[in-house]
Amino acid sequence: MNAQNVIHKLRTNMGLSQDELAERVFVTRQAVSRWENGETVPNTETLKLLSRLFHVSINTLLGSPQKLICQCCGMPLEDDIIGRDRDGTPNEHYCQWCYADGTYTYSNMDDLIDVCVGHMVEKGISEEQARAYLKQTLPTLDYWKRYDQLSDDGQFESFKKQLIDEINALHIEGMPRVEKLNALVGRFVNLEYPLSSGARVKFLNDQTTYLGNQLESEFGGERCFGVVACMDFILVCTYEKDGVNPELVLYKKR
C-alpha cells in the first residue's frame, strides 16, 4: 500500500473528512486532496503530526518502505508496539518495552537479554540459540552503540531501585523479595479483579508501560505473585497460570 492509500484509509477509518483532517494538521483541504491523489506527500513536520494523530509510524504513513526493528532489543516493530516520545509521538526506533514516554527502560544489556531469552524460548527457540543470537545482535543496534549519549546517567535505574525498596518494605506474606523490575506494557498485564461489592475492575492503562515482575509464591502451589508499579502506585496481585483467577492483594498510591 502506498502513501496516498494509507492516508486515505487512516482518515476514513477515523471518520474524518478532508477538511477535518486538514484542520487537525494545519494544512489546507487541497493539500490533503493532493496527498490522497498521489500528487505530493506531506513534509516532515506534517508527517510527525499525522503520526501522532493516527498513532502510526512515519514508516507506515509512507507505505512501509522499511522493515523496522527496535534499536534496543531487536524486536520487529509494528504500530501497536512502537514506543512514544513524551509528547505522545510514535518513535519508530524503539518498542514500548524499551522506550516509554521518552524514557529508556534498559541500561544493562545482560538484563535485557535475560528477559528476551525467556520470550524466545516460549516461541520454541532453544535458550542457547536465543542467548547467542542476542549477544551477537544487540551490540550492533543503535541504542547500545550510542549508549553513552542516550543514557540518563543512572536516573531511571535509581528510580527502579527506589521502587524495589518500597515494594520489599511492604513485607507481603508469601511473596519473595523483588530483585528486578522489567518493563511491562499495560494491555498484556491488565487483569480484571473481582471486588467485594461484586464489581470487577482494571487498574492499568493498556497503552502505558509499567515496571513489574512475576514471582513464585513461597507457599508453593500453582499461584504466583504479580507486581506492577509506576510513579503513581504499586499493585500486587496473585493469579494462576496465564493470569487466570486473579486476586488483588494490594493497591497503594505512592
Protein backbone atom coordinates (compact mmCIF):
# COMPACT_ATOMS: atom_id res chain seq x y z
CA MET A 1 0.00 0.00 0.00
CA ASN A 2 1.45 3.41 -0.94
CA ALA A 3 1.28 6.68 1.00
CA GLN A 4 -1.81 8.06 -0.75
CA ASN A 5 -3.85 4.95 0.07
CA VAL A 6 -2.53 4.78 3.63
CA ILE A 7 -3.54 8.36 4.43
CA HIS A 8 -6.96 7.91 2.83
CA LYS A 9 -7.58 4.71 4.76
CA LEU A 10 -6.48 6.16 8.09
CA ARG A 11 -8.56 9.29 7.57
CA THR A 12 -11.74 7.41 6.66
CA ASN A 13 -11.24 4.85 9.44
CA MET A 14 -11.18 7.76 11.90
CA GLY A 15 -14.30 9.21 10.31
CA LEU A 16 -12.65 12.46 9.29
CA SER A 17 -13.42 14.49 6.18
CA GLN A 18 -10.57 16.02 4.21
CA ASP A 19 -11.47 19.40 5.72
CA GLU A 20 -11.37 17.97 9.26
CA LEU A 21 -8.00 16.27 8.71
CA ALA A 22 -6.60 19.46 7.20
CA GLU A 23 -7.67 21.41 10.29
CA ARG A 24 -6.07 18.86 12.62
CA VAL A 25 -2.65 19.08 10.95
CA PHE A 26 -2.74 22.78 9.95
CA VAL A 27 -2.87 22.45 6.17
CA THR A 28 -5.49 23.15 3.51
CA ARG A 29 -8.08 20.70 2.25
CA GLN A 30 -6.39 20.94 -1.14
CA ALA A 31 -3.15 19.69 0.42
CA VAL A 32 -4.94 16.62 1.81
CA SER A 33 -6.55 16.03 -1.58
CA ARG A 34 -3.15 16.15 -3.27
CA TRP A 35 -1.75 13.59 -0.81
CA GLU A 36 -4.63 11.23 -1.45
CA ASN A 37 -4.35 11.66 -5.23
CA GLY A 38 -0.65 10.82 -5.07
CA GLU A 39 0.44 14.24 -6.35
CA THR A 40 2.50 15.11 -3.25
CA VAL A 41 3.46 13.68 0.15
CA PRO A 42 3.35 15.54 3.49
CA ASN A 43 6.50 17.33 4.60
CA THR A 44 8.48 16.09 7.62
CA GLU A 45 6.70 18.21 10.24
CA THR A 46 3.27 17.29 8.89
CA LEU A 47 4.23 13.60 8.87
CA LYS A 48 5.02 13.93 12.59
CA LEU A 49 1.58 15.45 13.23
CA LEU A 50 -0.13 12.71 11.20
CA SER A 51 1.88 10.07 13.04
CA ARG A 52 0.69 11.38 16.40
CA LEU A 53 -2.91 11.79 15.21
CA PHE A 54 -3.25 8.31 13.72
CA HIS A 55 -0.95 6.52 16.23
CA VAL A 56 1.17 5.01 13.49
CA SER A 57 4.82 5.37 12.49
CA ILE A 58 6.00 7.67 9.73
CA ASN A 59 7.21 4.49 8.05
CA THR A 60 3.59 3.27 7.91
CA LEU A 61 2.39 6.64 6.56
CA LEU A 62 4.89 6.36 3.71
CA GLY A 63 3.70 2.88 2.77
CA SER A 64 6.12 0.85 4.95
CA PRO A 65 9.22 1.11 2.75
CA GLN A 66 11.42 -0.20 5.60
CA LYS A 67 11.33 -3.22 7.90
CA LEU A 68 11.62 -1.64 11.34
CA ILE A 69 13.18 -3.27 14.39
CA CYS A 70 13.62 -1.93 17.90
CA GLN A 71 17.09 -0.43 18.17
CA CYS A 72 17.38 -1.66 21.76
CA CYS A 73 16.08 -5.25 21.79
CA GLY A 74 15.87 -6.10 18.06
CA MET A 75 12.14 -6.91 18.10
CA PRO A 76 10.28 -6.35 14.78
CA LEU A 77 8.22 -3.18 15.15
CA GLU A 78 4.52 -2.93 14.37
CA ASP A 79 2.48 0.21 15.02
CA ASP A 80 0.73 -1.23 18.09
CA ILE A 81 4.00 -1.81 19.99
CA ILE A 82 6.01 1.27 18.99
CA GLY A 83 7.34 3.40 21.85
CA ARG A 84 6.33 7.03 22.24
CA ASP A 85 8.11 10.28 22.96
CA ARG A 86 7.00 12.46 25.89
CA ASP A 87 4.54 14.35 23.66
CA GLY A 88 2.89 11.11 22.51
CA THR A 89 4.54 10.98 19.08
CA PRO A 90 5.35 7.39 18.00
CA ASN A 91 9.10 6.78 17.94
CA GLU A 92 9.79 4.22 15.25
CA HIS A 93 13.23 3.36 16.61
CA TYR A 94 12.01 1.55 19.75
CA CYS A 95 9.30 -0.72 21.15
CA GLN A 96 7.12 0.12 24.16
CA TRP A 97 9.12 -2.23 26.39
CA CYS A 98 12.43 -0.47 25.74
CA TYR A 99 11.23 3.13 25.43
CA ALA A 100 8.29 4.54 27.36
CA ASP A 101 7.16 8.17 27.14
CA GLY A 102 10.64 9.38 26.30
CA THR A 103 12.44 7.18 28.84
CA TYR A 104 14.78 4.30 28.01
CA THR A 105 13.93 1.39 30.30
CA TYR A 106 17.08 -0.73 29.99
CA SER A 107 20.61 0.24 30.93
CA ASN A 108 22.03 -3.26 31.36
CA MET A 109 22.31 -5.42 28.25
CA ASP A 110 22.52 -8.66 30.24
CA ASP A 111 19.21 -7.88 31.99
CA LEU A 112 17.57 -7.26 28.62
CA ILE A 113 18.99 -10.49 27.21
CA ASP A 114 17.59 -12.45 30.17
CA VAL A 115 14.11 -11.02 29.51
CA CYS A 116 14.25 -11.58 25.74
CA VAL A 117 15.57 -15.14 26.08
CA GLY A 118 12.50 -16.10 28.12
CA HIS A 119 10.16 -14.87 25.38
CA MET A 120 12.18 -16.55 22.61
CA VAL A 121 12.19 -19.89 24.46
CA GLU A 122 8.37 -19.68 24.67
CA LYS A 123 8.37 -19.49 20.86
CA GLY A 124 10.35 -22.72 20.51
CA ILE A 125 13.89 -21.36 20.24
CA SER A 126 16.44 -23.03 22.49
CA GLU A 127 17.91 -20.93 25.29
CA GLU A 128 21.42 -21.45 23.91
CA GLN A 129 20.43 -20.27 20.42
CA ALA A 130 18.47 -17.29 21.76
CA ARG A 131 21.26 -16.13 24.03
CA ALA A 132 23.90 -16.47 21.30
CA TYR A 133 21.73 -14.55 18.82
CA LEU A 134 21.06 -11.70 21.24
CA LYS A 135 24.68 -11.38 22.36
CA GLN A 136 25.67 -11.06 18.72
CA THR A 137 22.82 -8.76 17.63
CA LEU A 138 22.26 -6.29 20.47
CA PRO A 139 25.71 -4.64 20.33
CA THR A 140 25.04 -3.74 16.67
CA LEU A 141 21.85 -1.81 17.48
CA ASP A 142 21.82 1.96 17.67
CA TYR A 143 20.85 2.27 21.35
CA TRP A 144 23.74 0.17 22.58
CA LYS A 145 26.23 1.71 20.15
CA ARG A 146 25.22 5.21 21.36
CA TYR A 147 24.50 4.27 24.97
CA ASP A 148 26.86 6.90 26.40
CA GLN A 149 24.93 9.61 24.50
CA LEU A 150 21.43 8.27 25.15
CA SER A 151 21.68 7.13 28.77
CA ASP A 152 20.32 9.26 31.62
CA ASP A 153 23.31 8.85 33.96
CA GLY A 154 21.50 6.24 36.02
CA GLN A 155 18.40 8.25 36.91
CA PHE A 156 15.95 5.60 35.74
CA GLU A 157 17.93 2.83 37.45
CA SER A 158 17.79 4.85 40.68
CA PHE A 159 14.02 5.13 40.30
CA LYS A 160 13.74 1.35 39.81
CA LYS A 161 15.83 0.72 42.92
CA GLN A 162 13.61 3.06 44.91
CA LEU A 163 10.52 1.16 43.73
CA ILE A 164 12.11 -2.18 44.62
CA ASP A 165 12.89 -0.93 48.13
CA GLU A 166 9.31 0.32 48.57
CA ILE A 167 7.84 -2.98 47.36
CA ASN A 168 10.07 -5.08 49.62
CA ALA A 169 9.24 -2.82 52.58
CA LEU A 170 5.60 -3.93 52.26
CA HIS A 171 6.57 -7.41 53.60
CA ILE A 172 3.72 -9.19 51.85
CA GLU A 173 3.32 -12.66 53.29
CA GLY A 174 4.39 -15.41 50.92
CA MET A 175 5.95 -13.07 48.36
CA PRO A 176 9.73 -13.34 47.84
CA ARG A 177 11.92 -10.26 47.75
CA VAL A 178 11.84 -8.40 44.46
CA GLU A 179 15.30 -8.25 42.89
CA LYS A 180 14.45 -6.87 39.43
CA LEU A 181 11.72 -4.88 37.72
CA ASN A 182 11.18 -5.27 33.97
CA ALA A 183 9.21 -3.15 31.52
CA LEU A 184 5.59 -4.35 31.10
CA VAL A 185 3.08 -2.96 28.60
CA GLY A 186 -0.32 -2.42 30.20
CA ARG A 187 -2.52 -4.39 27.83
CA PHE A 188 -0.54 -7.58 28.44
CA VAL A 189 -0.90 -7.43 32.23
CA ASN A 190 -4.16 -5.51 32.70
CA LEU A 191 -6.05 -8.14 34.67
CA GLU A 192 -9.65 -7.68 35.83
CA TYR A 193 -10.03 -8.09 39.59
CA PRO A 194 -13.23 -9.01 41.47
CA LEU A 195 -14.13 -6.63 44.30
CA SER A 196 -16.09 -7.46 47.46
CA SER A 197 -19.02 -5.48 46.02
CA GLY A 198 -19.29 -7.94 43.14
CA ALA A 199 -17.91 -5.44 40.62
CA ARG A 200 -14.83 -6.19 38.53
CA VAL A 201 -12.21 -3.55 37.86
CA LYS A 202 -8.99 -2.97 35.92
CA PHE A 203 -6.36 -0.59 37.27
CA LEU A 204 -3.97 -0.20 34.33
CA ASN A 205 -3.91 1.73 31.07
CA ASP A 206 -3.45 -0.61 28.12
CA GLN A 207 -1.10 1.83 26.34
CA THR A 208 1.15 2.65 29.31
CA THR A 209 4.47 0.95 30.02
CA TYR A 210 4.92 -0.05 33.67
CA LEU A 211 7.61 -1.79 35.71
CA GLY A 212 6.95 -5.17 37.24
CA ASN A 213 7.76 -8.83 37.69
CA GLN A 214 6.26 -12.25 38.34
CA LEU A 215 7.34 -14.15 41.46
CA GLU A 216 6.71 -17.71 42.61
CA SER A 217 4.83 -17.88 45.90
CA GLU A 218 6.82 -19.05 48.92
CA PHE A 219 3.77 -21.12 49.83
CA GLY A 220 4.21 -23.25 46.71
CA GLY A 221 1.23 -24.34 44.62
CA GLU A 222 0.05 -23.02 41.28
CA ARG A 223 -0.49 -19.39 42.21
CA CYS A 224 2.20 -16.77 41.81
CA PHE A 225 2.57 -13.10 42.66
CA GLY A 226 2.48 -10.30 40.13
CA VAL A 227 3.90 -6.84 40.84
CA VAL A 228 3.19 -3.75 38.72
CA ALA A 229 4.43 -0.27 39.64
CA CYS A 230 4.93 3.23 38.29
CA MET A 231 5.38 6.80 39.50
CA ASP A 232 1.85 6.82 40.92
CA PHE A 233 1.16 3.42 42.51
CA ILE A 234 2.25 -0.09 43.44
CA LEU A 235 -0.06 -3.02 42.65
CA VAL A 236 0.44 -6.56 43.96
CA CYS A 237 -1.78 -9.47 42.97
CA THR A 238 -1.82 -13.25 42.76
CA TYR A 239 -3.03 -15.41 39.90
CA GLU A 240 -2.77 -18.84 38.33
CA LYS A 241 -1.06 -19.68 35.03
CA ASP A 242 -1.72 -17.17 32.21
CA GLY A 243 -3.32 -14.70 34.64
CA VAL A 244 -6.32 -16.93 35.44
CA ASN A 245 -8.35 -16.19 38.62
CA PRO A 246 -6.53 -13.00 39.64
CA GLU A 247 -6.91 -11.64 43.16
CA LEU A 248 -5.85 -8.16 44.20
CA VAL A 249 -3.54 -8.22 47.24
CA LEU A 250 -2.62 -4.53 47.45
CA TYR A 251 -3.06 -1.27 45.55
CA LYS A 252 -1.05 1.51 47.14
CA LYS A 253 -0.70 5.07 45.87
CA ARG A 254 2.82 6.45 46.11
